Amino acid sequence: LADDLQSSHYAFILAICREPGRSQEDLARELCVNK
């Protein structure tokens, strides 16, 4: 129901909530996207 989110944001929210405090570089590696 969050109007300001799209499906592309869900993976980021899931990853950040799963491991709070991770670096953006770690997120890029886990999600297989560029920095």
ModelCIF file with pLDDT and N, C-alpha, C, O atoms, coordinates in Angstrom:
data_MODEL
#
_entry.id   MODEL 
#
_entity.id                         1 
_entity.type                       polymer 
_entity.pdbx_number_of_molecules   1 
#
_entity_poly.entity_id                      1 
_entity_poly.type                           'polypeptide(L)' 
_entity_poly.nstd_linkage                   no 
_entity_poly.nstd_monomer                   no 
_entity_poly.pdbx_seq_one_letter_code       LADDLQSSHYAFILAICREPGRSQEDLARELCVNK 
_entity_poly.pdbx_seq_one_letter_code_can   LADDLQSSHYAFILAICREPGRSQEDLARELCVNK 
_entity_poly.pdbx_strand_id                 A 
#
loop_
_entity_poly_seq.entity_id 
_entity_poly_seq.num 
_entity_poly_seq.mon_id 
_entity_poly_seq.hetero 
1 1  LEU n 
1 2  ALA n 
1 3  ASP n 
1 4  ASP n 
1 5  LEU n 
1 6  GLN n 
1 7  SER n 
1 8  SER n 
1 9  HIS n 
1 10 TYR n 
1 11 ALA n 
1 12 PHE n 
1 13 ILE n 
1 14 LEU n 
1 15 ALA n 
1 16 ILE n 
1 17 CYS n 
1 18 ARG n 
1 19 GLU n 
1 20 PRO n 
1 21 GLY n 
1 22 ARG n 
1 23 SER n 
1 24 GLN n 
1 25 GLU n 
1 26 ASP n 
1 27 LEU n 
1 28 ALA n 
1 29 ARG n 
1 30 GLU n 
1 31 LEU n 
1 32 CYS n 
1 33 VAL n 
1 34 ASN n 
1 35 LYS n 
#
_struct_asym.id          A 
_struct_asym.entity_id   1 
#
loop_
_ma_qa_metric.id 
_ma_qa_metric.mode 
_ma_qa_metric.name 
_ma_qa_metric.software_group_id 
_ma_qa_metric.type 
1 global pLDDT . pLDDT 
2 local  pLDDT . pLDDT 
#
_ma_qa_metric_global.metric_id      1 
_ma_qa_metric_global.metric_value   92.86 
_ma_qa_metric_global.model_id       1 
_ma_qa_metric_global.ordinal_id     1 
#
loop_
_ma_qa_metric_local.label_asym_id 
_ma_qa_metric_local.label_comp_id 
_ma_qa_metric_local.label_seq_id 
_ma_qa_metric_local.metric_id 
_ma_qa_metric_local.metric_value 
_ma_qa_metric_local.model_id 
_ma_qa_metric_local.ordinal_id 
A LEU 1  2 87.00 1 1  
A ALA 2  2 89.00 1 2  
A ASP 3  2 88.00 1 3  
A ASP 4  2 94.00 1 4  
A LEU 5  2 94.00 1 5  
A GLN 6  2 90.00 1 6  
A SER 7  2 88.00 1 7  
A SER 8  2 89.00 1 8  
A HIS 9  2 95.00 1 9  
A TYR 10 2 95.00 1 10 
A ALA 11 2 95.00 1 11 
A PHE 12 2 97.00 1 12 
A ILE 13 2 97.00 1 13 
A LEU 14 2 97.00 1 14 
A ALA 15 2 97.00 1 15 
A ILE 16 2 97.00 1 16 
A CYS 17 2 97.00 1 17 
A ARG 18 2 97.00 1 18 
A GLU 19 2 96.00 1 19 
A PRO 20 2 96.00 1 20 
A GLY 21 2 94.00 1 21 
A ARG 22 2 93.00 1 22 
A SER 23 2 92.00 1 23 
A GLN 24 2 92.00 1 24 
A GLU 25 2 90.00 1 25 
A ASP 26 2 92.00 1 26 
A LEU 27 2 95.00 1 27 
A ALA 28 2 92.00 1 28 
A ARG 29 2 89.00 1 29 
A GLU 30 2 91.00 1 30 
A LEU 31 2 93.00 1 31 
A CYS 32 2 89.00 1 32 
A VAL 33 2 92.00 1 33 
A ASN 34 2 90.00 1 34 
A LYS 35 2 91.00 1 35 
#
loop_
_atom_site.group_PDB 
_atom_site.id 
_atom_site.type_symbol 
_atom_site.label_atom_id 
_atom_site.label_alt_id 
_atom_site.label_comp_id 
_atom_site.label_asym_id 
_atom_site.label_entity_id 
_atom_site.label_seq_id 
_atom_site.pdbx_PDB_ins_code 
_atom_site.Cartn_x 
_atom_site.Cartn_y 
_atom_site.Cartn_z 
_atom_site.occupancy 
_atom_site.B_iso_or_equiv 
_atom_site.pdbx_formal_charge 
_atom_site.auth_seq_id 
_atom_site.auth_comp_id 
_atom_site.auth_asym_id 
_atom_site.auth_atom_id 
_atom_site.pdbx_PDB_model_num 
ATOM 1   N N  . LEU A 1 1  ? 0.788  -1.230 0.000   1.00 87.00 ? 1  LEU A N  1 
ATOM 2   C CA . LEU A 1 1  ? 0.000  0.000  0.000   1.00 87.00 ? 1  LEU A CA 1 
ATOM 3   C C  . LEU A 1 1  ? 0.822  1.283  0.000   1.00 87.00 ? 1  LEU A C  1 
ATOM 4   O O  . LEU A 1 1  ? 0.256  2.368  -0.139  1.00 87.00 ? 1  LEU A O  1 
ATOM 5   N N  . ALA A 1 2  ? 2.123  1.191  0.150   1.00 89.00 ? 2  ALA A N  1 
ATOM 6   C CA . ALA A 1 2  ? 2.968  2.388  0.165   1.00 89.00 ? 2  ALA A CA 1 
ATOM 7   C C  . ALA A 1 2  ? 2.996  3.007  -1.230  1.00 89.00 ? 2  ALA A C  1 
ATOM 8   O O  . ALA A 1 2  ? 3.568  2.435  -2.158  1.00 89.00 ? 2  ALA A O  1 
ATOM 9   N N  . ASP A 1 3  ? 2.381  4.168  -1.371  1.00 88.00 ? 3  ASP A N  1 
ATOM 10  C CA . ASP A 1 3  ? 2.275  4.828  -2.678  1.00 88.00 ? 3  ASP A CA 1 
ATOM 11  C C  . ASP A 1 3  ? 3.620  5.305  -3.219  1.00 88.00 ? 3  ASP A C  1 
ATOM 12  O O  . ASP A 1 3  ? 3.783  5.463  -4.429  1.00 88.00 ? 3  ASP A O  1 
ATOM 13  N N  . ASP A 1 4  ? 4.569  5.530  -2.339  1.00 94.00 ? 4  ASP A N  1 
ATOM 14  C CA . ASP A 1 4  ? 5.850  6.079  -2.778  1.00 94.00 ? 4  ASP A CA 1 
ATOM 15  C C  . ASP A 1 4  ? 6.907  5.002  -3.057  1.00 94.00 ? 4  ASP A C  1 
ATOM 16  O O  . ASP A 1 4  ? 8.080  5.321  -3.249  1.00 94.00 ? 4  ASP A O  1 
ATOM 17  N N  . LEU A 1 5  ? 6.495  3.734  -3.080  1.00 94.00 ? 5  LEU A N  1 
ATOM 18  C CA . LEU A 1 5  ? 7.423  2.641  -3.386  1.00 94.00 ? 5  LEU A CA 1 
ATOM 19  C C  . LEU A 1 5  ? 7.009  1.934  -4.667  1.00 94.00 ? 5  LEU A C  1 
ATOM 20  O O  . LEU A 1 5  ? 5.825  1.817  -4.982  1.00 94.00 ? 5  LEU A O  1 
ATOM 21  N N  . GLN A 1 6  ? 8.013  1.470  -5.393  1.00 90.00 ? 6  GLN A N  1 
ATOM 22  C CA . GLN A 1 6  ? 7.799  0.629  -6.560  1.00 90.00 ? 6  GLN A CA 1 
ATOM 23  C C  . GLN A 1 6  ? 8.525  -0.681 -6.322  1.00 90.00 ? 6  GLN A C  1 
ATOM 24  O O  . GLN A 1 6  ? 9.321  -0.799 -5.390  1.00 90.00 ? 6  GLN A O  1 
ATOM 25  N N  . SER A 1 7  ? 8.253  -1.648 -7.154  1.00 88.00 ? 7  SER A N  1 
ATOM 26  C CA . SER A 1 7  ? 8.826  -2.981 -6.958  1.00 88.00 ? 7  SER A CA 1 
ATOM 27  C C  . SER A 1 7  ? 10.355 -2.954 -6.925  1.00 88.00 ? 7  SER A C  1 
ATOM 28  O O  . SER A 1 7  ? 10.973 -3.783 -6.257  1.00 88.00 ? 7  SER A O  1 
ATOM 29  N N  . SER A 1 8  ? 10.963 -2.018 -7.632  1.00 89.00 ? 8  SER A N  1 
ATOM 30  C CA . SER A 1 8  ? 12.432 -1.942 -7.622  1.00 89.00 ? 8  SER A CA 1 
ATOM 31  C C  . SER A 1 8  ? 12.983 -1.601 -6.237  1.00 89.00 ? 8  SER A C  1 
ATOM 32  O O  . SER A 1 8  ? 14.144 -1.892 -5.950  1.00 89.00 ? 8  SER A O  1 
ATOM 33  N N  . HIS A 1 9  ? 12.180 -1.000 -5.389  1.00 95.00 ? 9  HIS A N  1 
ATOM 34  C CA . HIS A 1 9  ? 12.635 -0.629 -4.046  1.00 95.00 ? 9  HIS A CA 1 
ATOM 35  C C  . HIS A 1 9  ? 12.525 -1.774 -3.044  1.00 95.00 ? 9  HIS A C  1 
ATOM 36  O O  . HIS A 1 9  ? 13.210 -1.767 -2.021  1.00 95.00 ? 9  HIS A O  1 
ATOM 37  N N  . TYR A 1 10 ? 11.672 -2.755 -3.327  1.00 95.00 ? 10 TYR A N  1 
ATOM 38  C CA . TYR A 1 10 ? 11.413 -3.820 -2.358  1.00 95.00 ? 10 TYR A CA 1 
ATOM 39  C C  . TYR A 1 10 ? 12.665 -4.621 -2.028  1.00 95.00 ? 10 TYR A C  1 
ATOM 40  O O  . TYR A 1 10 ? 12.918 -4.928 -0.863  1.00 95.00 ? 10 TYR A O  1 
ATOM 41  N N  . ALA A 1 11 ? 13.445 -4.959 -3.042  1.00 95.00 ? 11 ALA A N  1 
ATOM 42  C CA . ALA A 1 11 ? 14.660 -5.739 -2.798  1.00 95.00 ? 11 ALA A CA 1 
ATOM 43  C C  . ALA A 1 11 ? 15.614 -4.975 -1.887  1.00 95.00 ? 11 ALA A C  1 
ATOM 44  O O  . ALA A 1 11 ? 16.275 -5.571 -1.036  1.00 95.00 ? 11 ALA A O  1 
ATOM 45  N N  . PHE A 1 12 ? 15.688 -3.664 -2.062  1.00 97.00 ? 12 PHE A N  1 
ATOM 46  C CA . PHE A 1 12 ? 16.555 -2.851 -1.208  1.00 97.00 ? 12 PHE A CA 1 
ATOM 47  C C  . PHE A 1 12 ? 16.052 -2.844 0.223   1.00 97.00 ? 12 PHE A C  1 
ATOM 48  O O  . PHE A 1 12 ? 16.838 -3.007 1.157   1.00 97.00 ? 12 PHE A O  1 
ATOM 49  N N  . ILE A 1 13 ? 14.756 -2.659 0.406   1.00 97.00 ? 13 ILE A N  1 
ATOM 50  C CA . ILE A 1 13 ? 14.198 -2.649 1.759   1.00 97.00 ? 13 ILE A CA 1 
ATOM 51  C C  . ILE A 1 13 ? 14.392 -4.009 2.430   1.00 97.00 ? 13 ILE A C  1 
ATOM 52  O O  . ILE A 1 13 ? 14.777 -4.079 3.597   1.00 97.00 ? 13 ILE A O  1 
ATOM 53  N N  . LEU A 1 14 ? 14.129 -5.080 1.697   1.00 97.00 ? 14 LEU A N  1 
ATOM 54  C CA . LEU A 1 14 ? 14.330 -6.421 2.261   1.00 97.00 ? 14 LEU A CA 1 
ATOM 55  C C  . LEU A 1 14 ? 15.778 -6.631 2.687   1.00 97.00 ? 14 LEU A C  1 
ATOM 56  O O  . LEU A 1 14 ? 16.037 -7.110 3.791   1.00 97.00 ? 14 LEU A O  1 
ATOM 57  N N  . ALA A 1 15 ? 16.715 -6.278 1.827   1.00 97.00 ? 15 ALA A N  1 
ATOM 58  C CA . ALA A 1 15 ? 18.137 -6.483 2.124   1.00 97.00 ? 15 ALA A CA 1 
ATOM 59  C C  . ALA A 1 15 ? 18.605 -5.606 3.285   1.00 97.00 ? 15 ALA A C  1 
ATOM 60  O O  . ALA A 1 15 ? 19.363 -6.064 4.140   1.00 97.00 ? 15 ALA A O  1 
ATOM 61  N N  . ILE A 1 16 ? 18.167 -4.372 3.318   1.00 97.00 ? 16 ILE A N  1 
ATOM 62  C CA . ILE A 1 16 ? 18.586 -3.449 4.388   1.00 97.00 ? 16 ILE A CA 1 
ATOM 63  C C  . ILE A 1 16 ? 17.985 -3.865 5.723   1.00 97.00 ? 16 ILE A C  1 
ATOM 64  O O  . ILE A 1 16 ? 18.656 -3.795 6.753   1.00 97.00 ? 16 ILE A O  1 
ATOM 65  N N  . CYS A 1 17 ? 16.734 -4.295 5.717   1.00 97.00 ? 17 CYS A N  1 
ATOM 66  C CA . CYS A 1 17 ? 16.108 -4.746 6.970   1.00 97.00 ? 17 CYS A CA 1 
ATOM 67  C C  . CYS A 1 17 ? 16.701 -6.070 7.441   1.00 97.00 ? 17 CYS A C  1 
ATOM 68  O O  . CYS A 1 17 ? 16.794 -6.312 8.644   1.00 97.00 ? 17 CYS A O  1 
ATOM 69  N N  . ARG A 1 18 ? 17.099 -6.923 6.512   1.00 97.00 ? 18 ARG A N  1 
ATOM 70  C CA . ARG A 1 18 ? 17.694 -8.212 6.872   1.00 97.00 ? 18 ARG A CA 1 
ATOM 71  C C  . ARG A 1 18 ? 19.056 -8.020 7.541   1.00 97.00 ? 18 ARG A C  1 
ATOM 72  O O  . ARG A 1 18 ? 19.433 -8.785 8.429   1.00 97.00 ? 18 ARG A O  1 
ATOM 73  N N  . GLU A 1 19 ? 19.790 -6.989 7.105   1.00 96.00 ? 19 GLU A N  1 
ATOM 74  C CA . GLU A 1 19 ? 21.112 -6.734 7.667   1.00 96.00 ? 19 GLU A CA 1 
ATOM 75  C C  . GLU A 1 19 ? 21.338 -5.227 7.792   1.00 96.00 ? 19 GLU A C  1 
ATOM 76  O O  . GLU A 1 19 ? 22.017 -4.624 6.960   1.00 96.00 ? 19 GLU A O  1 
ATOM 77  N N  . PRO A 1 20 ? 20.761 -4.620 8.840   1.00 96.00 ? 20 PRO A N  1 
ATOM 78  C CA . PRO A 1 20 ? 20.921 -3.175 9.031   1.00 96.00 ? 20 PRO A CA 1 
ATOM 79  C C  . PRO A 1 20 ? 22.394 -2.797 9.187   1.00 96.00 ? 20 PRO A C  1 
ATOM 80  O O  . PRO A 1 20 ? 23.173 -3.503 9.827   1.00 96.00 ? 20 PRO A O  1 
ATOM 81  N N  . GLY A 1 21 ? 22.748 -1.670 8.587   1.00 94.00 ? 21 GLY A N  1 
ATOM 82  C CA . GLY A 1 21 ? 24.110 -1.173 8.718   1.00 94.00 ? 21 GLY A CA 1 
ATOM 83  C C  . GLY A 1 21 ? 25.048 -1.642 7.625   1.00 94.00 ? 21 GLY A C  1 
ATOM 84  O O  . GLY A 1 21 ? 26.234 -1.313 7.643   1.00 94.00 ? 21 GLY A O  1 
ATOM 85  N N  . ARG A 1 22 ? 24.541 -2.398 6.684   1.00 93.00 ? 22 ARG A N  1 
ATOM 86  C CA . ARG A 1 22 ? 25.418 -2.871 5.606   1.00 93.00 ? 22 ARG A CA 1 
ATOM 87  C C  . ARG A 1 22 ? 25.785 -1.708 4.697   1.00 93.00 ? 22 ARG A C  1 
ATOM 88  O O  . ARG A 1 22 ? 25.090 -0.692 4.654   1.00 93.00 ? 22 ARG A O  1 
ATOM 89  N N  . SER A 1 23 ? 26.872 -1.869 3.983   1.00 92.00 ? 23 SER A N  1 
ATOM 90  C CA . SER A 1 23 ? 27.333 -0.802 3.102   1.00 92.00 ? 23 SER A CA 1 
ATOM 91  C C  . SER A 1 23 ? 26.599 -0.856 1.773   1.00 92.00 ? 23 SER A C  1 
ATOM 92  O O  . SER A 1 23 ? 26.020 -1.877 1.401   1.00 92.00 ? 23 SER A O  1 
ATOM 93  N N  . GLN A 1 24 ? 26.635 0.262  1.070   1.00 92.00 ? 24 GLN A N  1 
ATOM 94  C CA . GLN A 1 24 ? 26.028 0.303  -0.255  1.00 92.00 ? 24 GLN A CA 1 
ATOM 95  C C  . GLN A 1 24 ? 26.754 -0.659 -1.191  1.00 92.00 ? 24 GLN A C  1 
ATOM 96  O O  . GLN A 1 24 ? 26.138 -1.249 -2.078  1.00 92.00 ? 24 GLN A O  1 
ATOM 97  N N  . GLU A 1 25 ? 28.046 -0.814 -0.996  1.00 90.00 ? 25 GLU A N  1 
ATOM 98  C CA . GLU A 1 25 ? 28.816 -1.759 -1.815  1.00 90.00 ? 25 GLU A CA 1 
ATOM 99  C C  . GLU A 1 25 ? 28.327 -3.189 -1.596  1.00 90.00 ? 25 GLU A C  1 
ATOM 100 O O  . GLU A 1 25 ? 28.213 -3.957 -2.551  1.00 90.00 ? 25 GLU A O  1 
ATOM 101 N N  . ASP A 1 26 ? 28.036 -3.552 -0.347  1.00 92.00 ? 26 ASP A N  1 
ATOM 102 C CA . ASP A 1 26 ? 27.473 -4.879 -0.050  1.00 92.00 ? 26 ASP A CA 1 
ATOM 103 C C  . ASP A 1 26 ? 26.114 -5.058 -0.726  1.00 92.00 ? 26 ASP A C  1 
ATOM 104 O O  . ASP A 1 26 ? 25.811 -6.128 -1.254  1.00 92.00 ? 26 ASP A O  1 
ATOM 105 N N  . LEU A 1 27 ? 25.305 -4.007 -0.703  1.00 95.00 ? 27 LEU A N  1 
ATOM 106 C CA . LEU A 1 27 ? 24.001 -4.078 -1.358  1.00 95.00 ? 27 LEU A CA 1 
ATOM 107 C C  . LEU A 1 27 ? 24.158 -4.320 -2.855  1.00 95.00 ? 27 LEU A C  1 
ATOM 108 O O  . LEU A 1 27 ? 23.431 -5.126 -3.436  1.00 95.00 ? 27 LEU A O  1 
ATOM 109 N N  . ALA A 1 28 ? 25.097 -3.630 -3.474  1.00 92.00 ? 28 ALA A N  1 
ATOM 110 C CA . ALA A 1 28 ? 25.330 -3.812 -4.912  1.00 92.00 ? 28 ALA A CA 1 
ATOM 111 C C  . ALA A 1 28 ? 25.726 -5.249 -5.210  1.00 92.00 ? 28 ALA A C  1 
ATOM 112 O O  . ALA A 1 28 ? 25.251 -5.848 -6.174  1.00 92.00 ? 28 ALA A O  1 
ATOM 113 N N  . ARG A 1 29 ? 26.589 -5.788 -4.386  1.00 89.00 ? 29 ARG A N  1 
ATOM 114 C CA . ARG A 1 29 ? 27.046 -7.170 -4.588  1.00 89.00 ? 29 ARG A CA 1 
ATOM 115 C C  . ARG A 1 29 ? 25.895 -8.163 -4.395  1.00 89.00 ? 29 ARG A C  1 
ATOM 116 O O  . ARG A 1 29 ? 25.712 -9.063 -5.215  1.00 89.00 ? 29 ARG A O  1 
ATOM 117 N N  . GLU A 1 30 ? 25.132 -8.006 -3.332  1.00 91.00 ? 30 GLU A N  1 
ATOM 118 C CA . GLU A 1 30 ? 24.040 -8.951 -3.066  1.00 91.00 ? 30 GLU A CA 1 
ATOM 119 C C  . GLU A 1 30 ? 22.937 -8.882 -4.112  1.00 91.00 ? 30 GLU A C  1 
ATOM 120 O O  . GLU A 1 30 ? 22.418 -9.910 -4.547  1.00 91.00 ? 30 GLU A O  1 
ATOM 121 N N  . LEU A 1 31 ? 22.586 -7.675 -4.511  1.00 93.00 ? 31 LEU A N  1 
ATOM 122 C CA . LEU A 1 31 ? 21.464 -7.498 -5.431  1.00 93.00 ? 31 LEU A CA 1 
ATOM 123 C C  . LEU A 1 31 ? 21.880 -7.566 -6.905  1.00 93.00 ? 31 LEU A C  1 
ATOM 124 O O  . LEU A 1 31 ? 21.043 -7.482 -7.804  1.00 93.00 ? 31 LEU A O  1 
ATOM 125 N N  . CYS A 1 32 ? 23.183 -7.720 -7.133  1.00 89.00 ? 32 CYS A N  1 
ATOM 126 C CA . CYS A 1 32 ? 23.711 -7.820 -8.505  1.00 89.00 ? 32 CYS A CA 1 
ATOM 127 C C  . CYS A 1 32 ? 23.329 -6.607 -9.347  1.00 89.00 ? 32 CYS A C  1 
ATOM 128 O O  . CYS A 1 32 ? 22.840 -6.738 -10.469 1.00 89.00 ? 32 CYS A O  1 
ATOM 129 N N  . VAL A 1 33 ? 23.560 -5.434 -8.786  1.00 92.00 ? 33 VAL A N  1 
ATOM 130 C CA . VAL A 1 33 ? 23.344 -4.184 -9.509  1.00 92.00 ? 33 VAL A CA 1 
ATOM 131 C C  . VAL A 1 33 ? 24.592 -3.325 -9.354  1.00 92.00 ? 33 VAL A C  1 
ATOM 132 O O  . VAL A 1 33 ? 25.414 -3.567 -8.470  1.00 92.00 ? 33 VAL A O  1 
ATOM 133 N N  . ASN A 1 34 ? 24.730 -2.327 -10.212 1.00 90.00 ? 34 ASN A N  1 
ATOM 134 C CA . ASN A 1 34 ? 25.918 -1.480 -10.096 1.00 90.00 ? 34 ASN A CA 1 
ATOM 135 C C  . ASN A 1 34 ? 25.755 -0.459 -8.969  1.00 90.00 ? 34 ASN A C  1 
ATOM 136 O O  . ASN A 1 34 ? 24.657 -0.228 -8.463  1.00 90.00 ? 34 ASN A O  1 
ATOM 137 N N  . LYS A 1 35 ? 26.870 0.133  -8.601  1.00 91.00 ? 35 LYS A N  1 
ATOM 138 C CA . LYS A 1 35 ? 26.880 1.046  -7.449  1.00 91.00 ? 35 LYS A CA 1 
ATOM 139 C C  . LYS A 1 35 ? 26.010 2.278  -7.671  1.00 91.00 ? 35 LYS A C  1 
ATOM 140 O O  . LYS A 1 35 ? 25.918 3.135  -6.793  1.00 91.00 ? 35 LYS A O  1 
#
